[in-house]
Amino acid sequence: MTLLIHLSGVEERGWRDKFAAALPYLDVVTRSDKFEPGDIRYVLAWKPANDAFDGMTKLEAIFSMGAGVDALL
């Protein structure tokens, strides 16, 4: 299972490192890491790009960094 950290305008590596330490059973990646979109199960997002979820055929949940979904639309 893989969690993608997708935070526009935010340093993602620190978030990746904290989530990886807290959730050792997940692979945690950022947009700059090499990963297969089909392996992504979860996304932690802030203002994702229009094509952010392309190819994520196993995506189960998107977690928004903001209150509400406005930053996801």
PDB file of N, CA and C in Angstrom:
ATOM      1  N   MET A   1       0.847  -1.180   0.000  1.00  0.00           N
ATOM      2  CA  MET A   1       0.000   0.000   0.000  1.00  0.00           C
ATOM      3  C   MET A   1       0.887   1.235   0.000  1.00  0.00           C
ATOM      4  N   THR A   2       0.480   2.231  -0.787  1.00  0.00           N
ATOM      5  CA  THR A   2       1.292   3.434  -0.926  1.00  0.00           C
ATOM      6  C   THR A   2       0.453   4.679  -0.670  1.00  0.00           C
ATOM      7  N   LEU A   3       1.040   5.598   0.088  1.00  0.00           N
ATOM      8  CA  LEU A   3       0.461   6.914   0.353  1.00  0.00           C
ATOM      9  C   LEU A   3       1.274   7.939  -0.416  1.00  0.00           C
ATOM     10  N   LEU A   4       0.599   8.747  -1.230  1.00  0.00           N
ATOM     11  CA  LEU A   4       1.248   9.819  -1.967  1.00  0.00           C
ATOM     12  C   LEU A   4       1.003  11.133  -1.251  1.00  0.00           C
ATOM     13  N   ILE A   5       2.067  11.865  -0.964  1.00  0.00           N
ATOM     14  CA  ILE A   5       1.971  13.214  -0.415  1.00  0.00           C
ATOM     15  C   ILE A   5       1.996  14.174  -1.604  1.00  0.00           C
ATOM     16  N   HIS A   6       0.895  14.868  -1.839  1.00  0.00           N
ATOM     17  CA  HIS A   6       0.773  15.786  -2.989  1.00  0.00           C
ATOM     18  C   HIS A   6       0.343  17.150  -2.455  1.00  0.00           C
ATOM     19  N   LEU A   7       1.320  17.982  -2.105  1.00  0.00           N
ATOM     20  CA  LEU A   7       1.051  19.283  -1.477  1.00  0.00           C
ATOM     21  C   LEU A   7       1.626  20.402  -2.320  1.00  0.00           C
ATOM     22  N   SER A   8       0.799  21.064  -3.080  1.00  0.00           N
ATOM     23  CA  SER A   8       1.257  22.161  -3.935  1.00  0.00           C
ATOM     24  C   SER A   8       1.684  23.349  -3.078  1.00  0.00           C
ATOM     25  N   GLY A   9       2.886  23.857  -3.355  1.00  0.00           N
ATOM     26  CA  GLY A   9       3.388  25.020  -2.635  1.00  0.00           C
ATOM     27  C   GLY A   9       3.871  24.734  -1.228  1.00  0.00           C
ATOM     28  N   VAL A  10       4.034  23.458  -0.890  1.00  0.00           N
ATOM     29  CA  VAL A  10       4.457  23.041   0.456  1.00  0.00           C
ATOM     30  C   VAL A  10       5.620  22.057   0.307  1.00  0.00           C
ATOM     31  N   GLU A  11       6.592  22.143   1.182  1.00  0.00           N
ATOM     32  CA  GLU A  11       7.715  21.195   1.188  1.00  0.00           C
ATOM     33  C   GLU A  11       7.188  19.814   1.577  1.00  0.00           C
ATOM     34  N   GLU A  12       7.213  18.879   0.653  1.00  0.00           N
ATOM     35  CA  GLU A  12       6.617  17.563   0.863  1.00  0.00           C
ATOM     36  C   GLU A  12       7.515  16.574   1.595  1.00  0.00           C
ATOM     37  N   ARG A  13       8.816  16.731   1.502  1.00  0.00           N
ATOM     38  CA  ARG A  13       9.725  15.719   2.075  1.00  0.00           C
ATOM     39  C   ARG A  13       9.576  15.579   3.581  1.00  0.00           C
ATOM     40  N   GLY A  14       9.409  16.684   4.291  1.00  0.00           N
ATOM     41  CA  GLY A  14       9.225  16.618   5.745  1.00  0.00           C
ATOM     42  C   GLY A  14       7.955  15.867   6.117  1.00  0.00           C
ATOM     43  N   TRP A  15       6.891  16.125   5.377  1.00  0.00           N
ATOM     44  CA  TRP A  15       5.630  15.413   5.599  1.00  0.00           C
ATOM     45  C   TRP A  15       5.815  13.924   5.311  1.00  0.00           C
ATOM     46  N   ARG A  16       6.511  13.616   4.209  1.00  0.00           N
ATOM     47  CA  ARG A  16       6.760  12.206   3.863  1.00  0.00           C
ATOM     48  C   ARG A  16       7.500  11.501   4.991  1.00  0.00           C
ATOM     49  N   ASP A  17       8.550  12.137   5.506  1.00  0.00           N
ATOM     50  CA  ASP A  17       9.361  11.512   6.543  1.00  0.00           C
ATOM     51  C   ASP A  17       8.549  11.258   7.811  1.00  0.00           C
ATOM     52  N   LYS A  18       7.712  12.210   8.195  1.00  0.00           N
ATOM     53  CA  LYS A  18       6.894  12.040   9.409  1.00  0.00           C
ATOM     54  C   LYS A  18       5.851  10.943   9.237  1.00  0.00           C
ATOM     55  N   PHE A  19       5.186  10.923   8.082  1.00  0.00           N
ATOM     56  CA  PHE A  19       4.196   9.874   7.835  1.00  0.00           C
ATOM     57  C   PHE A  19       4.855   8.506   7.737  1.00  0.00           C
ATOM     58  N   ALA A  20       6.015   8.415   7.107  1.00  0.00           N
ATOM     59  CA  ALA A  20       6.720   7.140   6.992  1.00  0.00           C
ATOM     60  C   ALA A  20       7.115   6.608   8.368  1.00  0.00           C
ATOM     61  N   ALA A  21       7.513   7.496   9.269  1.00  0.00           N
ATOM     62  CA  ALA A  21       7.880   7.074  10.626  1.00  0.00           C
ATOM     63  C   ALA A  21       6.649   6.619  11.410  1.00  0.00           C
ATOM     64  N   ALA A  22       5.531   7.310  11.214  1.00  0.00           N
ATOM     65  CA  ALA A  22       4.311   6.989  11.962  1.00  0.00           C
ATOM     66  C   ALA A  22       3.566   5.779  11.396  1.00  0.00           C
ATOM     67  N   LEU A  23       3.740   5.522  10.105  1.00  0.00           N
ATOM     68  CA  LEU A  23       3.016   4.444   9.429  1.00  0.00           C
ATOM     69  C   LEU A  23       3.991   3.524   8.694  1.00  0.00           C
ATOM     70  N   PRO A  24       4.794   2.766   9.436  1.00  0.00           N
ATOM     71  CA  PRO A  24       5.843   1.965   8.800  1.00  0.00           C
ATOM     72  C   PRO A  24       5.323   0.874   7.864  1.00  0.00           C
ATOM     73  N   TYR A  25       4.056   0.538   7.946  1.00  0.00           N
ATOM     74  CA  TYR A  25       3.484  -0.488   7.081  1.00  0.00           C
ATOM     75  C   TYR A  25       3.083   0.057   5.706  1.00  0.00           C
ATOM     76  N   LEU A  26       3.194   1.385   5.505  1.00  0.00           N
ATOM     77  CA  LEU A  26       2.883   2.013   4.217  1.00  0.00           C
ATOM     78  C   LEU A  26       4.160   2.466   3.525  1.00  0.00           C
ATOM     79  N   ASP A  27       4.174   2.400   2.209  1.00  0.00           N
ATOM     80  CA  ASP A  27       5.198   3.094   1.440  1.00  0.00           C
ATOM     81  C   ASP A  27       4.685   4.521   1.292  1.00  0.00           C
ATOM     82  N   VAL A  28       5.500   5.501   1.621  1.00  0.00           N
ATOM     83  CA  VAL A  28       5.096   6.906   1.538  1.00  0.00           C
ATOM     84  C   VAL A  28       6.003   7.598   0.531  1.00  0.00           C
ATOM     85  N   VAL A  29       5.394   8.244  -0.472  1.00  0.00           N
ATOM     86  CA  VAL A  29       6.144   8.884  -1.534  1.00  0.00           C
ATOM     87  C   VAL A  29       5.637  10.308  -1.752  1.00  0.00           C
ATOM     88  N   THR A  30       6.481  11.109  -2.403  1.00  0.00           N
ATOM     89  CA  THR A  30       6.085  12.443  -2.835  1.00  0.00           C
ATOM     90  C   THR A  30       6.044  12.459  -4.354  1.00  0.00           C
ATOM     91  N   ARG A  31       5.580  13.568  -4.906  1.00  0.00           N
ATOM     92  CA  ARG A  31       5.508  13.682  -6.367  1.00  0.00           C
ATOM     93  C   ARG A  31       6.880  13.574  -7.013  1.00  0.00           C
ATOM     94  N   SER A  32       7.932  13.977  -6.305  1.00  0.00           N
ATOM     95  CA  SER A  32       9.275  13.932  -6.888  1.00  0.00           C
ATOM     96  C   SER A  32       9.927  12.550  -6.798  1.00  0.00           C
ATOM     97  N   ASP A  33       9.332  11.636  -6.037  1.00  0.00           N
ATOM     98  CA  ASP A  33       9.842  10.269  -5.942  1.00  0.00           C
ATOM     99  C   ASP A  33       9.361   9.454  -7.138  1.00  0.00           C
ATOM    100  N   LYS A  34      10.092   8.383  -7.448  1.00  0.00           N
ATOM    101  CA  LYS A  34       9.633   7.465  -8.488  1.00  0.00           C
ATOM    102  C   LYS A  34       8.598   6.527  -7.870  1.00  0.00           C
ATOM    103  N   PHE A  35       7.448   6.428  -8.523  1.00  0.00           N
ATOM    104  CA  PHE A  35       6.398   5.527  -8.057  1.00  0.00           C
ATOM    105  C   PHE A  35       5.496   5.188  -9.237  1.00  0.00           C
ATOM    106  N   GLU A  36       4.764   4.116  -9.088  1.00  0.00           N
ATOM    107  CA  GLU A  36       3.783   3.704 -10.087  1.00  0.00           C
ATOM    108  C   GLU A  36       2.411   4.225  -9.652  1.00  0.00           C
ATOM    109  N   PRO A  37       1.743   5.033 -10.469  1.00  0.00           N
ATOM    110  CA  PRO A  37       0.421   5.543 -10.077  1.00  0.00           C
ATOM    111  C   PRO A  37      -0.559   4.437  -9.696  1.00  0.00           C
ATOM    112  N   GLY A  38      -0.464   3.287 -10.332  1.00  0.00           N
ATOM    113  CA  GLY A  38      -1.351   2.175 -10.015  1.00  0.00           C
ATOM    114  C   GLY A  38      -1.139   1.581  -8.635  1.00  0.00           C
ATOM    115  N   ASP A  39      -0.030   1.917  -7.974  1.00  0.00           N
ATOM    116  CA  ASP A  39       0.243   1.414  -6.620  1.00  0.00           C
ATOM    117  C   ASP A  39      -0.317   2.322  -5.531  1.00  0.00           C
ATOM    118  N   ILE A  40      -0.750   3.524  -5.887  1.00  0.00           N
ATOM    119  CA  ILE A  40      -1.214   4.496  -4.891  1.00  0.00           C
ATOM    120  C   ILE A  40      -2.589   4.102  -4.379  1.00  0.00           C
ATOM    121  N   ARG A  41      -2.713   3.984  -3.055  1.00  0.00           N
ATOM    122  CA  ARG A  41      -3.999   3.689  -2.425  1.00  0.00           C
ATOM    123  C   ARG A  41      -4.585   4.927  -1.755  1.00  0.00           C
ATOM    124  N   TYR A  42      -3.688   5.807  -1.243  1.00  0.00           N
ATOM    125  CA  TYR A  42      -4.123   6.981  -0.488  1.00  0.00           C
ATOM    126  C   TYR A  42      -3.342   8.199  -0.960  1.00  0.00           C
ATOM    127  N   VAL A  43      -4.006   9.365  -0.920  1.00  0.00           N
ATOM    128  CA  VAL A  43      -3.345  10.623  -1.260  1.00  0.00           C
ATOM    129  C   VAL A  43      -3.645  11.634  -0.163  1.00  0.00           C
ATOM    130  N   LEU A  44      -2.597  12.283   0.324  1.00  0.00           N
ATOM    131  CA  LEU A  44      -2.734  13.441   1.203  1.00  0.00           C
ATOM    132  C   LEU A  44      -2.511  14.642   0.300  1.00  0.00           C
ATOM    133  N   ALA A  45      -3.529  15.472   0.110  1.00  0.00           N
ATOM    134  CA  ALA A  45      -3.468  16.495  -0.923  1.00  0.00           C
ATOM    135  C   ALA A  45      -3.751  17.899  -0.399  1.00  0.00           C
ATOM    136  N   TRP A  46      -3.092  18.853  -1.052  1.00  0.00           N
ATOM    137  CA  TRP A  46      -3.379  20.264  -0.905  1.00  0.00           C
ATOM    138  C   TRP A  46      -3.244  20.886  -2.287  1.00  0.00           C
ATOM    139  N   LYS A  47      -4.342  21.365  -2.827  1.00  0.00           N
ATOM    140  CA  LYS A  47      -4.391  21.989  -4.147  1.00  0.00           C
ATOM    141  C   LYS A  47      -3.703  21.132  -5.214  1.00  0.00           C
ATOM    142  N   PRO A  48      -4.201  19.916  -5.429  1.00  0.00           N
ATOM    143  CA  PRO A  48      -3.563  19.027  -6.401  1.00  0.00           C
ATOM    144  C   PRO A  48      -3.692  19.550  -7.827  1.00  0.00           C
ATOM    145  N   ALA A  49      -2.738  19.173  -8.647  1.00  0.00           N
ATOM    146  CA  ALA A  49      -2.774  19.508 -10.073  1.00  0.00           C
ATOM    147  C   ALA A  49      -3.972  18.809 -10.722  1.00  0.00           C
ATOM    148  N   ASN A  50      -4.392  19.319 -11.862  1.00  0.00           N
ATOM    149  CA  ASN A  50      -5.557  18.758 -12.555  1.00  0.00           C
ATOM    150  C   ASN A  50      -5.399  17.275 -12.869  1.00  0.00           C
ATOM    151  N   ASP A  51      -4.180  16.834 -13.141  1.00  0.00           N
ATOM    152  CA  ASP A  51      -3.942  15.438 -13.497  1.00  0.00           C
ATOM    153  C   ASP A  51      -3.396  14.619 -12.322  1.00  0.00           C
ATOM    154  N   ALA A  52      -3.540  15.119 -11.121  1.00  0.00           N
ATOM    155  CA  ALA A  52      -2.919  14.510  -9.937  1.00  0.00           C
ATOM    156  C   ALA A  52      -3.302  13.049  -9.721  1.00  0.00           C
ATOM    157  N   PHE A  53      -4.507  12.668 -10.092  1.00  0.00           N
ATOM    158  CA  PHE A  53      -4.988  11.326  -9.780  1.00  0.00           C
ATOM    159  C   PHE A  53      -5.006  10.406 -11.005  1.00  0.00           C
ATOM    160  N   ASP A  54      -4.458  10.863 -12.111  1.00  0.00           N
ATOM    161  CA  ASP A  54      -4.419  10.050 -13.337  1.00  0.00           C
ATOM    162  C   ASP A  54      -3.654   8.749 -13.103  1.00  0.00           C
ATOM    163  N   GLY A  55      -4.223   7.662 -13.527  1.00  0.00           N
ATOM    164  CA  GLY A  55      -3.568   6.360 -13.444  1.00  0.00           C
ATOM    165  C   GLY A  55      -3.648   5.688 -12.083  1.00  0.00           C
ATOM    166  N   MET A  56      -4.289   6.326 -11.122  1.00  0.00           N
ATOM    167  CA  MET A  56      -4.384   5.752  -9.769  1.00  0.00           C
ATOM    168  C   MET A  56      -5.605   4.845  -9.694  1.00  0.00           C
ATOM    169  N   THR A  57      -5.485   3.691 -10.290  1.00  0.00           N
ATOM    170  CA  THR A  57      -6.606   2.770 -10.413  1.00  0.00           C
ATOM    171  C   THR A  57      -6.972   2.075  -9.102  1.00  0.00           C
ATOM    172  N   LYS A  58      -6.077   2.113  -8.114  1.00  0.00           N
ATOM    173  CA  LYS A  58      -6.356   1.474  -6.821  1.00  0.00           C
ATOM    174  C   LYS A  58      -6.623   2.502  -5.719  1.00  0.00           C
ATOM    175  N   LEU A  59      -6.825   3.759  -6.099  1.00  0.00           N
ATOM    176  CA  LEU A  59      -7.034   4.826  -5.127  1.00  0.00           C
ATOM    177  C   LEU A  59      -8.287   4.558  -4.300  1.00  0.00           C
ATOM    178  N   GLU A  60      -8.140   4.578  -2.970  1.00  0.00           N
ATOM    179  CA  GLU A  60      -9.248   4.317  -2.066  1.00  0.00           C
ATOM    180  C   GLU A  60      -9.696   5.569  -1.315  1.00  0.00           C
ATOM    181  N   ALA A  61      -8.763   6.498  -1.039  1.00  0.00           N
ATOM    182  CA  ALA A  61      -9.131   7.671  -0.247  1.00  0.00           C
ATOM    183  C   ALA A  61      -8.211   8.840  -0.562  1.00  0.00           C
ATOM    184  N   ILE A  62      -8.815  10.033  -0.524  1.00  0.00           N
ATOM    185  CA  ILE A  62      -8.074  11.282  -0.659  1.00  0.00           C
ATOM    186  C   ILE A  62      -8.294  12.059   0.627  1.00  0.00           C
ATOM    187  N   PHE A  63      -7.199  12.427   1.290  1.00  0.00           N
ATOM    188  CA  PHE A  63      -7.262  13.192   2.526  1.00  0.00           C
ATOM    189  C   PHE A  63      -6.859  14.628   2.216  1.00  0.00           C
ATOM    190  N   SER A  64      -7.747  15.568   2.521  1.00  0.00           N
ATOM    191  CA  SER A  64      -7.486  16.971   2.248  1.00  0.00           C
ATOM    192  C   SER A  64      -6.772  17.610   3.437  1.00  0.00           C
ATOM    193  N   MET A  65      -5.756  18.412   3.157  1.00  0.00           N
ATOM    194  CA  MET A  65      -5.038  19.128   4.207  1.00  0.00           C
ATOM    195  C   MET A  65      -5.865  20.292   4.755  1.00  0.00           C
ATOM    196  N   GLY A  66      -6.855  20.718   4.017  1.00  0.00           N
ATOM    197  CA  GLY A  66      -7.680  21.844   4.450  1.00  0.00           C
ATOM    198  C   GLY A  66      -9.025  21.363   4.968  1.00  0.00           C
ATOM    199  N   ALA A  67      -9.735  22.295   5.569  1.00  0.00           N
ATOM    200  CA  ALA A  67     -11.106  22.003   6.007  1.00  0.00           C
ATOM    201  C   ALA A  67     -11.996  22.066   4.778  1.00  0.00           C
ATOM    202  N   GLY A  68     -12.721  21.016   4.509  1.00  0.00           N
ATOM    203  CA  GLY A  68     -13.571  20.992   3.330  1.00  0.00           C
ATOM    204  C   GLY A  68     -12.822  20.472   2.119  1.00  0.00           C
ATOM    205  N   VAL A  69     -13.465  20.604   0.969  1.00  0.00           N
ATOM    206  CA  VAL A  69     -12.897  20.050  -0.254  1.00  0.00           C
ATOM    207  C   VAL A  69     -12.537  21.132  -1.283  1.00  0.00           C
ATOM    208  N   ASP A  70     -12.687  22.386  -0.959  1.00  0.00           N
ATOM    209  CA  ASP A  70     -12.415  23.455  -1.920  1.00  0.00           C
ATOM    210  C   ASP A  70     -11.034  23.343  -2.541  1.00  0.00           C
ATOM    211  N   ALA A  71     -10.029  22.983  -1.761  1.00  0.00           N
ATOM    212  CA  ALA A  71      -8.656  22.878  -2.274  1.00  0.00           C
ATOM    213  C   ALA A  71      -8.473  21.658  -3.172  1.00  0.00           C
ATOM    214  N   LEU A  72      -9.442  20.772  -3.210  1.00  0.00           N
ATOM    215  CA  LEU A  72      -9.347  19.580  -4.066  1.00  0.00           C
ATOM    216  C   LEU A  72     -10.033  19.773  -5.402  1.00  0.00           C
ATOM    217  N   LEU A  73     -10.864  20.787  -5.513  1.00  0.00           N
ATOM    218  CA  LEU A  73     -11.633  20.989  -6.750  1.00  0.00           C
ATOM    219  C   LEU A  73     -10.883  21.812  -7.758  1.00  0.00           C
TER     220      LEU A  73
END
